[in-house]
């Protein structure tokens, strides 16, 4: 298991302001209106996560999956995307949102923020209701598969990377900027009670303890989601800064109710969003 960065402060506290307000002053006589600013693309997989994160901040009603809705908060223009569930839906929706902004000043994207819920591989390290910020994203389902199990997957077995970014071949692992650095680049305030470490993305949720243990042992990850790698890859391929922040709803590989606390995760997601946009 990778050694995560421990939370430096109490839950709900913020680590400091990312940047000053972006509100423009009043226009004088003869002044031209300011040019449209590039927008932060905020990505959530489902309407449930959208409402938990943003309804308390005055965001509009969530759009249909695959679509965006504009939102302005604190003088800052954003596009909020409900991507749909899973890596394919997320890659399609995020890539389309970024692509539509190219050459369109009112839709140009300046960076990407992914928010949502995830499962924890070890709740003693990353507890239910806790927050994780990804330092890398791993997609264990790419490559050449032999027998069953994660140990049988050879990411380089096909000899074709998924992407080449800044001269680096991307197979199953995408390194990300440190969360504090990414938050500064996006002008966001990172919550203090965040555990930073590598995360993993799957197309099919791990539903057994055996699979969860095998994935954790091979990849040294903290959390599992279904969209993180796709969102991060789309941002990196477009040369955009990105941050992924998730609240923990369950233990990976466990289905009993005792290993789940979705209400706590959604509440933590709302507190995290309030901190990010403070």
C-alpha atoms as a PDB file:
ATOM      1  CA  UNK A   1       0.000   0.000   0.000  1.00  0.00           C
ATOM      2  CA  UNK A   2       1.271   3.463  -0.855  1.00  0.00           C
ATOM      3  CA  UNK A   3       1.963   5.801   2.046  1.00  0.00           C
ATOM      4  CA  UNK A   4      -0.708   8.508   1.860  1.00  0.00           C
ATOM      5  CA  UNK A   5      -0.210  12.115   2.812  1.00  0.00           C
ATOM      6  CA  UNK A   6      -1.872  12.525   6.222  1.00  0.00           C
ATOM      7  CA  UNK A   7      -4.561  15.172   6.754  1.00  0.00           C
ATOM      8  CA  UNK A   8      -2.938  18.315   8.248  1.00  0.00           C
ATOM      9  CA  UNK A   9      -6.032  19.684   9.928  1.00  0.00           C
ATOM     10  CA  UNK A  10      -9.567  19.004  11.154  1.00  0.00           C
ATOM     11  CA  UNK A  11     -12.316  17.833   8.837  1.00  0.00           C
ATOM     12  CA  UNK A  12     -14.090  20.694   7.098  1.00  0.00           C
ATOM     13  CA  UNK A  13     -11.216  23.161   7.481  1.00  0.00           C
ATOM     14  CA  UNK A  14      -9.719  24.787   4.398  1.00  0.00           C
ATOM     15  CA  UNK A  15      -6.049  25.028   3.559  1.00  0.00           C
ATOM     16  CA  UNK A  16      -6.056  28.627   2.386  1.00  0.00           C
ATOM     17  CA  UNK A  17      -7.475  30.740  -0.382  1.00  0.00           C
ATOM     18  CA  UNK A  18      -6.449  29.760  -3.888  1.00  0.00           C
ATOM     19  CA  UNK A  19      -6.874  33.218  -5.409  1.00  0.00           C
ATOM     20  CA  UNK A  20      -8.667  36.479  -4.930  1.00  0.00           C
ATOM     21  CA  UNK A  21     -12.180  37.098  -6.175  1.00  0.00           C
ATOM     22  CA  UNK A  22     -12.466  37.337  -9.942  1.00  0.00           C
ATOM     23  CA  UNK A  23     -15.308  39.844  -9.871  1.00  0.00           C
ATOM     24  CA  UNK A  24     -14.776  42.676 -12.330  1.00  0.00           C
ATOM     25  CA  UNK A  25     -15.273  46.285 -11.342  1.00  0.00           C
ATOM     26  CA  UNK A  26     -17.992  48.426 -12.942  1.00  0.00           C
ATOM     27  CA  UNK A  27     -17.508  49.546 -16.533  1.00  0.00           C
ATOM     28  CA  UNK A  28     -16.845  53.206 -17.186  1.00  0.00           C
ATOM     29  CA  UNK A  29     -18.296  55.255 -20.037  1.00  0.00           C
ATOM     30  CA  UNK A  30     -17.024  53.922 -23.322  1.00  0.00           C
ATOM     31  CA  UNK A  31     -15.416  50.852 -21.737  1.00  0.00           C
ATOM     32  CA  UNK A  32     -15.718  47.642 -23.697  1.00  0.00           C
ATOM     33  CA  UNK A  33     -17.013  44.641 -21.779  1.00  0.00           C
ATOM     34  CA  UNK A  34     -14.237  42.293 -20.688  1.00  0.00           C
ATOM     35  CA  UNK A  35     -13.381  39.333 -22.878  1.00  0.00           C
ATOM     36  CA  UNK A  36     -14.911  36.058 -21.702  1.00  0.00           C
ATOM     37  CA  UNK A  37     -12.672  34.227 -19.255  1.00  0.00           C
ATOM     38  CA  UNK A  38     -11.839  30.552 -19.742  1.00  0.00           C
ATOM     39  CA  UNK A  39     -14.073  28.429 -17.546  1.00  0.00           C
ATOM     40  CA  UNK A  40     -13.336  25.751 -15.024  1.00  0.00           C
ATOM     41  CA  UNK A  41     -14.936  22.460 -16.081  1.00  0.00           C
ATOM     42  CA  UNK A  42     -16.453  20.811 -13.019  1.00  0.00           C
ATOM     43  CA  UNK A  43     -17.192  17.095 -13.568  1.00  0.00           C
ATOM     44  CA  UNK A  44     -19.528  14.888 -11.514  1.00  0.00           C
ATOM     45  CA  UNK A  45     -20.747  11.473 -12.624  1.00  0.00           C
ATOM     46  CA  UNK A  46     -24.356  11.632 -11.418  1.00  0.00           C
ATOM     47  CA  UNK A  47     -27.092  14.094 -10.544  1.00  0.00           C
ATOM     48  CA  UNK A  48     -27.025  12.758  -6.959  1.00  0.00           C
ATOM     49  CA  UNK A  49     -23.371  13.750  -6.548  1.00  0.00           C
ATOM     50  CA  UNK A  50     -24.078  17.073  -8.287  1.00  0.00           C
ATOM     51  CA  UNK A  51     -26.857  17.942  -5.852  1.00  0.00           C
ATOM     52  CA  UNK A  52     -24.837  16.884  -2.815  1.00  0.00           C
ATOM     53  CA  UNK A  53     -21.836  18.974  -3.873  1.00  0.00           C
ATOM     54  CA  UNK A  54     -23.415  22.066  -5.366  1.00  0.00           C
ATOM     55  CA  UNK A  55     -27.067  22.588  -4.433  1.00  0.00           C
ATOM     56  CA  UNK A  56     -26.086  24.283  -1.178  1.00  0.00           C
ATOM     57  CA  UNK A  57     -23.898  26.703  -3.119  1.00  0.00           C
ATOM     58  CA  UNK A  58     -26.692  27.958  -5.339  1.00  0.00           C
ATOM     59  CA  UNK A  59     -25.887  25.958  -8.461  1.00  0.00           C
ATOM     60  CA  UNK A  60     -28.642  25.462 -11.052  1.00  0.00           C
ATOM     61  CA  UNK A  61     -30.463  22.178 -11.503  1.00  0.00           C
ATOM     62  CA  UNK A  62     -28.203  19.407 -12.823  1.00  0.00           C
ATOM     63  CA  UNK A  63     -28.161  18.868 -16.586  1.00  0.00           C
ATOM     64  CA  UNK A  64     -28.894  15.570 -18.315  1.00  0.00           C
ATOM     65  CA  UNK A  65     -25.972  13.103 -18.381  1.00  0.00           C
ATOM     66  CA  UNK A  66     -23.398  14.083 -20.978  1.00  0.00           C
ATOM     67  CA  UNK A  67     -24.382  17.759 -20.891  1.00  0.00           C
ATOM     68  CA  UNK A  68     -23.119  20.910 -19.177  1.00  0.00           C
ATOM     69  CA  UNK A  69     -24.784  23.817 -17.447  1.00  0.00           C
ATOM     70  CA  UNK A  70     -23.131  27.218 -16.900  1.00  0.00           C
ATOM     71  CA  UNK A  71     -22.653  28.405 -13.335  1.00  0.00           C
ATOM     72  CA  UNK A  72     -21.218  31.628 -11.972  1.00  0.00           C
ATOM     73  CA  UNK A  73     -19.998  31.849  -8.392  1.00  0.00           C
ATOM     74  CA  UNK A  74     -17.856  34.518  -6.763  1.00  0.00           C
ATOM     75  CA  UNK A  75     -17.296  36.251 -10.089  1.00  0.00           C
ATOM     76  CA  UNK A  76     -16.056  33.040 -11.666  1.00  0.00           C
ATOM     77  CA  UNK A  77     -17.644  31.353 -14.676  1.00  0.00           C
ATOM     78  CA  UNK A  78     -17.789  27.563 -14.740  1.00  0.00           C
ATOM     79  CA  UNK A  79     -19.243  24.779 -16.810  1.00  0.00           C
ATOM     80  CA  UNK A  80     -20.661  21.930 -14.724  1.00  0.00           C
ATOM     81  CA  UNK A  81     -20.846  18.546 -16.415  1.00  0.00           C
ATOM     82  CA  UNK A  82     -22.774  15.450 -15.379  1.00  0.00           C
ATOM     83  CA  UNK A  83     -20.613  12.928 -17.213  1.00  0.00           C
ATOM     84  CA  UNK A  84     -22.548   9.716 -16.697  1.00  0.00           C
ATOM     85  CA  UNK A  85     -21.167   6.665 -14.923  1.00  0.00           C
ATOM     86  CA  UNK A  86     -18.081   4.755 -16.014  1.00  0.00           C
ATOM     87  CA  UNK A  87     -14.843   5.501 -17.857  1.00  0.00           C
ATOM     88  CA  UNK A  88     -16.307   5.407 -21.373  1.00  0.00           C
ATOM     89  CA  UNK A  89     -19.137   7.828 -20.606  1.00  0.00           C
ATOM     90  CA  UNK A  90     -16.763  10.099 -18.691  1.00  0.00           C
ATOM     91  CA  UNK A  91     -14.122  10.177 -21.438  1.00  0.00           C
ATOM     92  CA  UNK A  92     -16.743  10.955 -24.076  1.00  0.00           C
ATOM     93  CA  UNK A  93     -18.451  13.699 -22.075  1.00  0.00           C
ATOM     94  CA  UNK A  94     -15.288  15.410 -20.836  1.00  0.00           C
ATOM     95  CA  UNK A  95     -13.572  15.233 -24.211  1.00  0.00           C
ATOM     96  CA  UNK A  96     -16.634  16.714 -25.896  1.00  0.00           C
ATOM     97  CA  UNK A  97     -16.915  19.531 -23.341  1.00  0.00           C
ATOM     98  CA  UNK A  98     -13.248  20.453 -23.729  1.00  0.00           C
ATOM     99  CA  UNK A  99     -13.396  20.168 -27.521  1.00  0.00           C
ATOM    100  CA  UNK A 100     -16.453  22.391 -27.824  1.00  0.00           C
ATOM    101  CA  UNK A 101     -14.609  25.109 -25.947  1.00  0.00           C
ATOM    102  CA  UNK A 102     -11.717  25.261 -28.371  1.00  0.00           C
ATOM    103  CA  UNK A 103     -12.112  28.431 -30.396  1.00  0.00           C
ATOM    104  CA  UNK A 104     -15.272  29.423 -28.500  1.00  0.00           C
ATOM    105  CA  UNK A 105     -14.328  32.130 -25.935  1.00  0.00           C
ATOM    106  CA  UNK A 106     -17.530  31.685 -23.923  1.00  0.00           C
ATOM    107  CA  UNK A 107     -16.927  27.926 -23.533  1.00  0.00           C
ATOM    108  CA  UNK A 108     -13.120  27.687 -23.399  1.00  0.00           C
ATOM    109  CA  UNK A 109     -11.952  25.448 -20.545  1.00  0.00           C
ATOM    110  CA  UNK A 110      -9.099  26.542 -18.273  1.00  0.00           C
ATOM    111  CA  UNK A 111      -8.897  23.453 -16.066  1.00  0.00           C
ATOM    112  CA  UNK A 112     -10.805  20.445 -14.793  1.00  0.00           C
ATOM    113  CA  UNK A 113     -12.113  19.594 -11.328  1.00  0.00           C
ATOM    114  CA  UNK A 114     -13.526  16.093 -10.775  1.00  0.00           C
ATOM    115  CA  UNK A 115     -15.753  15.622  -7.725  1.00  0.00           C
ATOM    116  CA  UNK A 116     -17.598  12.530  -6.578  1.00  0.00           C
ATOM    117  CA  UNK A 117     -17.640   9.522  -4.303  1.00  0.00           C
ATOM    118  CA  UNK A 118     -15.338   6.504  -4.190  1.00  0.00           C
ATOM    119  CA  UNK A 119     -14.599   3.319  -2.275  1.00  0.00           C
ATOM    120  CA  UNK A 120     -11.693   2.954   0.142  1.00  0.00           C
ATOM    121  CA  UNK A 121      -9.387  -0.056   0.001  1.00  0.00           C
ATOM    122  CA  UNK A 122      -8.509   0.393   3.686  1.00  0.00           C
ATOM    123  CA  UNK A 123     -10.975   2.340   5.874  1.00  0.00           C
ATOM    124  CA  UNK A 124      -8.420   2.423   8.705  1.00  0.00           C
ATOM    125  CA  UNK A 125      -6.334   4.669   6.457  1.00  0.00           C
ATOM    126  CA  UNK A 126      -9.098   6.341   4.446  1.00  0.00           C
ATOM    127  CA  UNK A 127     -12.328   6.135   6.476  1.00  0.00           C
ATOM    128  CA  UNK A 128     -15.929   6.344   5.359  1.00  0.00           C
ATOM    129  CA  UNK A 129     -16.814  10.015   4.975  1.00  0.00           C
ATOM    130  CA  UNK A 130     -13.154  10.908   4.460  1.00  0.00           C
ATOM    131  CA  UNK A 131     -11.715  12.794   1.496  1.00  0.00           C
ATOM    132  CA  UNK A 132      -9.102  11.592  -0.976  1.00  0.00           C
ATOM    133  CA  UNK A 133      -7.243  13.639  -3.593  1.00  0.00           C
ATOM    134  CA  UNK A 134      -5.608  11.652  -6.386  1.00  0.00           C
ATOM    135  CA  UNK A 135      -1.858  11.916  -6.942  1.00  0.00           C
ATOM    136  CA  UNK A 136      -2.043   9.366  -9.770  1.00  0.00           C
ATOM    137  CA  UNK A 137      -4.782   7.539 -11.631  1.00  0.00           C
ATOM    138  CA  UNK A 138      -4.483   3.867 -12.573  1.00  0.00           C
ATOM    139  CA  UNK A 139      -6.617   1.912 -15.048  1.00  0.00           C
ATOM    140  CA  UNK A 140      -6.002  -1.780 -14.317  1.00  0.00           C
ATOM    141  CA  UNK A 141      -8.155  -3.002 -17.193  1.00  0.00           C
ATOM    142  CA  UNK A 142      -5.844  -1.931 -20.033  1.00  0.00           C
ATOM    143  CA  UNK A 143      -3.366  -4.261 -21.693  1.00  0.00           C
ATOM    144  CA  UNK A 144      -2.967  -7.965 -22.333  1.00  0.00           C
ATOM    145  CA  UNK A 145      -4.864 -10.237 -19.946  1.00  0.00           C
ATOM    146  CA  UNK A 146      -3.717 -13.757 -19.199  1.00  0.00           C
ATOM    147  CA  UNK A 147      -5.484 -15.812 -16.543  1.00  0.00           C
ATOM    148  CA  UNK A 148      -7.943 -14.263 -14.092  1.00  0.00           C
ATOM    149  CA  UNK A 149      -6.897 -11.656 -11.548  1.00  0.00           C
ATOM    150  CA  UNK A 150      -5.076  -8.303 -11.583  1.00  0.00           C
ATOM    151  CA  UNK A 151      -1.675 -10.014 -11.492  1.00  0.00           C
ATOM    152  CA  UNK A 152      -2.396 -11.459 -14.938  1.00  0.00           C
ATOM    153  CA  UNK A 153      -2.786  -8.045 -16.621  1.00  0.00           C
ATOM    154  CA  UNK A 154       0.219  -6.789 -18.589  1.00  0.00           C
ATOM    155  CA  UNK A 155      -0.396  -3.113 -19.402  1.00  0.00           C
ATOM    156  CA  UNK A 156       2.440  -3.055 -21.944  1.00  0.00           C
ATOM    157  CA  UNK A 157       1.597  -6.405 -23.475  1.00  0.00           C
ATOM    158  CA  UNK A 158      -0.078  -4.805 -26.499  1.00  0.00           C
ATOM    159  CA  UNK A 159       2.884  -2.427 -26.987  1.00  0.00           C
ATOM    160  CA  UNK A 160       0.493   0.430 -27.702  1.00  0.00           C
ATOM    161  CA  UNK A 161       0.099   3.193 -25.100  1.00  0.00           C
ATOM    162  CA  UNK A 162      -3.309   4.718 -24.539  1.00  0.00           C
ATOM    163  CA  UNK A 163      -1.813   8.172 -25.106  1.00  0.00           C
ATOM    164  CA  UNK A 164       1.485  10.010 -25.412  1.00  0.00           C
ATOM    165  CA  UNK A 165       1.577  13.138 -23.245  1.00  0.00           C
ATOM    166  CA  UNK A 166       4.607  15.427 -23.154  1.00  0.00           C
ATOM    167  CA  UNK A 167       6.678  12.654 -24.682  1.00  0.00           C
ATOM    168  CA  UNK A 168       5.633  10.074 -22.085  1.00  0.00           C
ATOM    169  CA  UNK A 169       3.766   6.888 -22.974  1.00  0.00           C
ATOM    170  CA  UNK A 170       0.639   6.425 -20.859  1.00  0.00           C
ATOM    171  CA  UNK A 171      -0.353   2.800 -20.397  1.00  0.00           C
ATOM    172  CA  UNK A 172      -2.227   2.021 -17.192  1.00  0.00           C
ATOM    173  CA  UNK A 173      -0.836   4.764 -14.905  1.00  0.00           C
ATOM    174  CA  UNK A 174      -1.169   8.539 -15.192  1.00  0.00           C
ATOM    175  CA  UNK A 175       0.810  10.626 -12.675  1.00  0.00           C
ATOM    176  CA  UNK A 176      -0.979  13.771 -11.523  1.00  0.00           C
ATOM    177  CA  UNK A 177       0.224  17.047 -10.063  1.00  0.00           C
ATOM    178  CA  UNK A 178       0.296  17.224  -6.259  1.00  0.00           C
ATOM    179  CA  UNK A 179      -3.210  18.193  -5.118  1.00  0.00           C
ATOM    180  CA  UNK A 180      -2.105  21.435  -3.441  1.00  0.00           C
ATOM    181  CA  UNK A 181      -0.325  22.473  -6.630  1.00  0.00           C
ATOM    182  CA  UNK A 182      -3.335  21.570  -8.768  1.00  0.00           C
ATOM    183  CA  UNK A 183      -5.676  23.493  -6.467  1.00  0.00           C
ATOM    184  CA  UNK A 184      -3.499  26.607  -6.756  1.00  0.00           C
ATOM    185  CA  UNK A 185      -3.407  26.300 -10.539  1.00  0.00           C
ATOM    186  CA  UNK A 186      -7.211  26.138 -10.598  1.00  0.00           C
ATOM    187  CA  UNK A 187      -7.704  28.929  -8.053  1.00  0.00           C
ATOM    188  CA  UNK A 188      -9.362  26.605  -5.549  1.00  0.00           C
ATOM    189  CA  UNK A 189      -9.079  26.175  -1.780  1.00  0.00           C
ATOM    190  CA  UNK A 190      -8.151  22.596  -0.891  1.00  0.00           C
ATOM    191  CA  UNK A 191      -9.787  21.188   2.256  1.00  0.00           C
ATOM    192  CA  UNK A 192      -7.230  20.429   4.953  1.00  0.00           C
ATOM    193  CA  UNK A 193      -8.637  17.032   5.902  1.00  0.00           C
ATOM    194  CA  UNK A 194      -7.665  15.441   2.588  1.00  0.00           C
ATOM    195  CA  UNK A 195      -5.594  12.283   2.278  1.00  0.00           C
ATOM    196  CA  UNK A 196      -3.554  12.356  -0.920  1.00  0.00           C
ATOM    197  CA  UNK A 197      -2.512   9.227  -2.776  1.00  0.00           C
ATOM    198  CA  UNK A 198      -2.950   7.116  -5.917  1.00  0.00           C
ATOM    199  CA  UNK A 199      -6.437   6.101  -7.002  1.00  0.00           C
ATOM    200  CA  UNK A 200      -7.766   3.455  -9.346  1.00  0.00           C
ATOM    201  CA  UNK A 201     -10.521   3.488 -11.980  1.00  0.00           C
ATOM    202  CA  UNK A 202     -12.576   0.488 -13.049  1.00  0.00           C
ATOM    203  CA  UNK A 203     -15.371  -0.170 -15.520  1.00  0.00           C
ATOM    204  CA  UNK A 204     -16.826  -2.805 -13.187  1.00  0.00           C
ATOM    205  CA  UNK A 205     -16.937  -2.121  -9.455  1.00  0.00           C
ATOM    206  CA  UNK A 206     -14.963  -4.573  -7.313  1.00  0.00           C
ATOM    207  CA  UNK A 207     -17.536  -6.672  -5.488  1.00  0.00           C
ATOM    208  CA  UNK A 208     -15.392  -9.222  -3.637  1.00  0.00           C
ATOM    209  CA  UNK A 209     -12.805  -8.904  -0.906  1.00  0.00           C
ATOM    210  CA  UNK A 210     -10.438 -11.082  -2.930  1.00  0.00           C
ATOM    211  CA  UNK A 211     -10.433  -8.749  -5.921  1.00  0.00           C
ATOM    212  CA  UNK A 212     -10.091  -5.676  -3.693  1.00  0.00           C
ATOM    213  CA  UNK A 213      -7.089  -7.207  -1.909  1.00  0.00           C
ATOM    214  CA  UNK A 214      -5.447  -8.172  -5.205  1.00  0.00           C
ATOM    215  CA  UNK A 215      -5.851  -4.686  -6.677  1.00  0.00           C
ATOM    216  CA  UNK A 216      -4.550  -3.000  -3.530  1.00  0.00           C
ATOM    217  CA  UNK A 217      -1.548  -5.326  -3.382  1.00  0.00           C
ATOM    218  CA  UNK A 218      -0.580  -4.844  -7.006  1.00  0.00           C
ATOM    219  CA  UNK A 219      -1.189  -1.119  -7.430  1.00  0.00           C
ATOM    220  CA  UNK A 220      -0.815   0.341  -3.919  1.00  0.00           C
ATOM    221  CA  UNK A 221      -3.920   2.495  -4.258  1.00  0.00           C
ATOM    222  CA  UNK A 222      -6.175   4.215  -1.757  1.00  0.00           C
ATOM    223  CA  UNK A 223      -9.517   4.426  -3.540  1.00  0.00           C
ATOM    224  CA  UNK A 224     -11.579   3.042  -6.420  1.00  0.00           C
ATOM    225  CA  UNK A 225     -13.912   5.002  -8.690  1.00  0.00           C
ATOM    226  CA  UNK A 226     -15.360   4.568 -12.170  1.00  0.00           C
ATOM    227  CA  UNK A 227     -14.393   7.854 -13.861  1.00  0.00           C
ATOM    228  CA  UNK A 228     -11.156   9.260 -12.437  1.00  0.00           C
ATOM    229  CA  UNK A 229      -8.643   7.956 -14.987  1.00  0.00           C
ATOM    230  CA  UNK A 230     -10.830   8.997 -17.920  1.00  0.00           C
ATOM    231  CA  UNK A 231     -11.302  12.554 -16.641  1.00  0.00           C
ATOM    232  CA  UNK A 232      -7.625  12.949 -15.791  1.00  0.00           C
ATOM    233  CA  UNK A 233      -6.488  11.594 -19.163  1.00  0.00           C
ATOM    234  CA  UNK A 234      -8.800  13.942 -21.072  1.00  0.00           C
ATOM    235  CA  UNK A 235      -7.450  16.912 -19.110  1.00  0.00           C
ATOM    236  CA  UNK A 236      -3.804  15.888 -19.486  1.00  0.00           C
ATOM    237  CA  UNK A 237      -4.178  15.228 -23.215  1.00  0.00           C
ATOM    238  CA  UNK A 238      -5.600  18.752 -23.566  1.00  0.00           C
ATOM    239  CA  UNK A 239      -2.789  20.343 -21.548  1.00  0.00           C
ATOM    240  CA  UNK A 240      -5.132  21.403 -18.740  1.00  0.00           C
ATOM    241  CA  UNK A 241      -4.505  21.375 -14.983  1.00  0.00           C
ATOM    242  CA  UNK A 242      -6.756  18.954 -13.124  1.00  0.00           C
ATOM    243  CA  UNK A 243      -7.717  18.006  -9.592  1.00  0.00           C
ATOM    244  CA  UNK A 244      -9.689  14.945  -8.477  1.00  0.00           C
ATOM    245  CA  UNK A 245     -11.318  15.010  -5.053  1.00  0.00           C
ATOM    246  CA  UNK A 246     -13.640  12.283  -3.760  1.00  0.00           C
ATOM    247  CA  UNK A 247     -15.550  11.455  -0.587  1.00  0.00           C
ATOM    248  CA  UNK A 248     -15.517   7.860   0.644  1.00  0.00           C
ATOM    249  CA  UNK A 249     -18.833   6.011   0.620  1.00  0.00           C
ATOM    250  CA  UNK A 250     -17.805   2.370   1.129  1.00  0.00           C
ATOM    251  CA  UNK A 251     -15.118  -0.255   1.584  1.00  0.00           C
ATOM    252  CA  UNK A 252     -14.005  -1.595  -1.793  1.00  0.00           C
ATOM    253  CA  UNK A 253     -15.164  -5.180  -2.359  1.00  0.00           C
ATOM    254  CA  UNK A 254     -17.773  -5.164   0.408  1.00  0.00           C
ATOM    255  CA  UNK A 255     -21.535  -5.114  -0.157  1.00  0.00           C
ATOM    256  CA  UNK A 256     -22.969  -5.381   3.409  1.00  0.00           C
ATOM    257  CA  UNK A 257     -24.613  -2.166   4.673  1.00  0.00           C
ATOM    258  CA  UNK A 258     -22.157  -1.972   7.570  1.00  0.00           C
ATOM    259  CA  UNK A 259     -19.369  -1.231   5.078  1.00  0.00           C
ATOM    260  CA  UNK A 260     -21.259   1.635   3.452  1.00  0.00           C
ATOM    261  CA  UNK A 261     -22.193   5.163   4.508  1.00  0.00           C
ATOM    262  CA  UNK A 262     -23.443   6.992   1.436  1.00  0.00           C
ATOM    263  CA  UNK A 263     -25.124   9.833   3.389  1.00  0.00           C
ATOM    264  CA  UNK A 264     -21.840  10.623   5.164  1.00  0.00           C
ATOM    265  CA  UNK A 265     -19.975  10.634   1.853  1.00  0.00           C
ATOM    266  CA  UNK A 266     -22.480  12.958   0.191  1.00  0.00           C
ATOM    267  CA  UNK A 267     -22.406  15.310   3.186  1.00  0.00           C
ATOM    268  CA  UNK A 268     -18.587  15.343   3.063  1.00  0.00           C
ATOM    269  CA  UNK A 269     -18.742  16.078  -0.650  1.00  0.00           C
ATOM    270  CA  UNK A 270     -20.889  19.120   0.041  1.00  0.00           C
ATOM    271  CA  UNK A 271     -18.490  20.403   2.690  1.00  0.00           C
ATOM    272  CA  UNK A 272     -15.535  19.830   0.362  1.00  0.00           C
ATOM    273  CA  UNK A 273     -17.186  21.776  -2.468  1.00  0.00           C
ATOM    274  CA  UNK A 274     -17.965  24.681  -0.131  1.00  0.00           C
ATOM    275  CA  UNK A 275     -14.299  24.754   0.874  1.00  0.00           C
ATOM    276  CA  UNK A 276     -13.021  24.519  -2.702  1.00  0.00           C
ATOM    277  CA  UNK A 277     -15.024  27.567  -3.751  1.00  0.00           C
ATOM    278  CA  UNK A 278     -14.536  29.543  -0.537  1.00  0.00           C
END
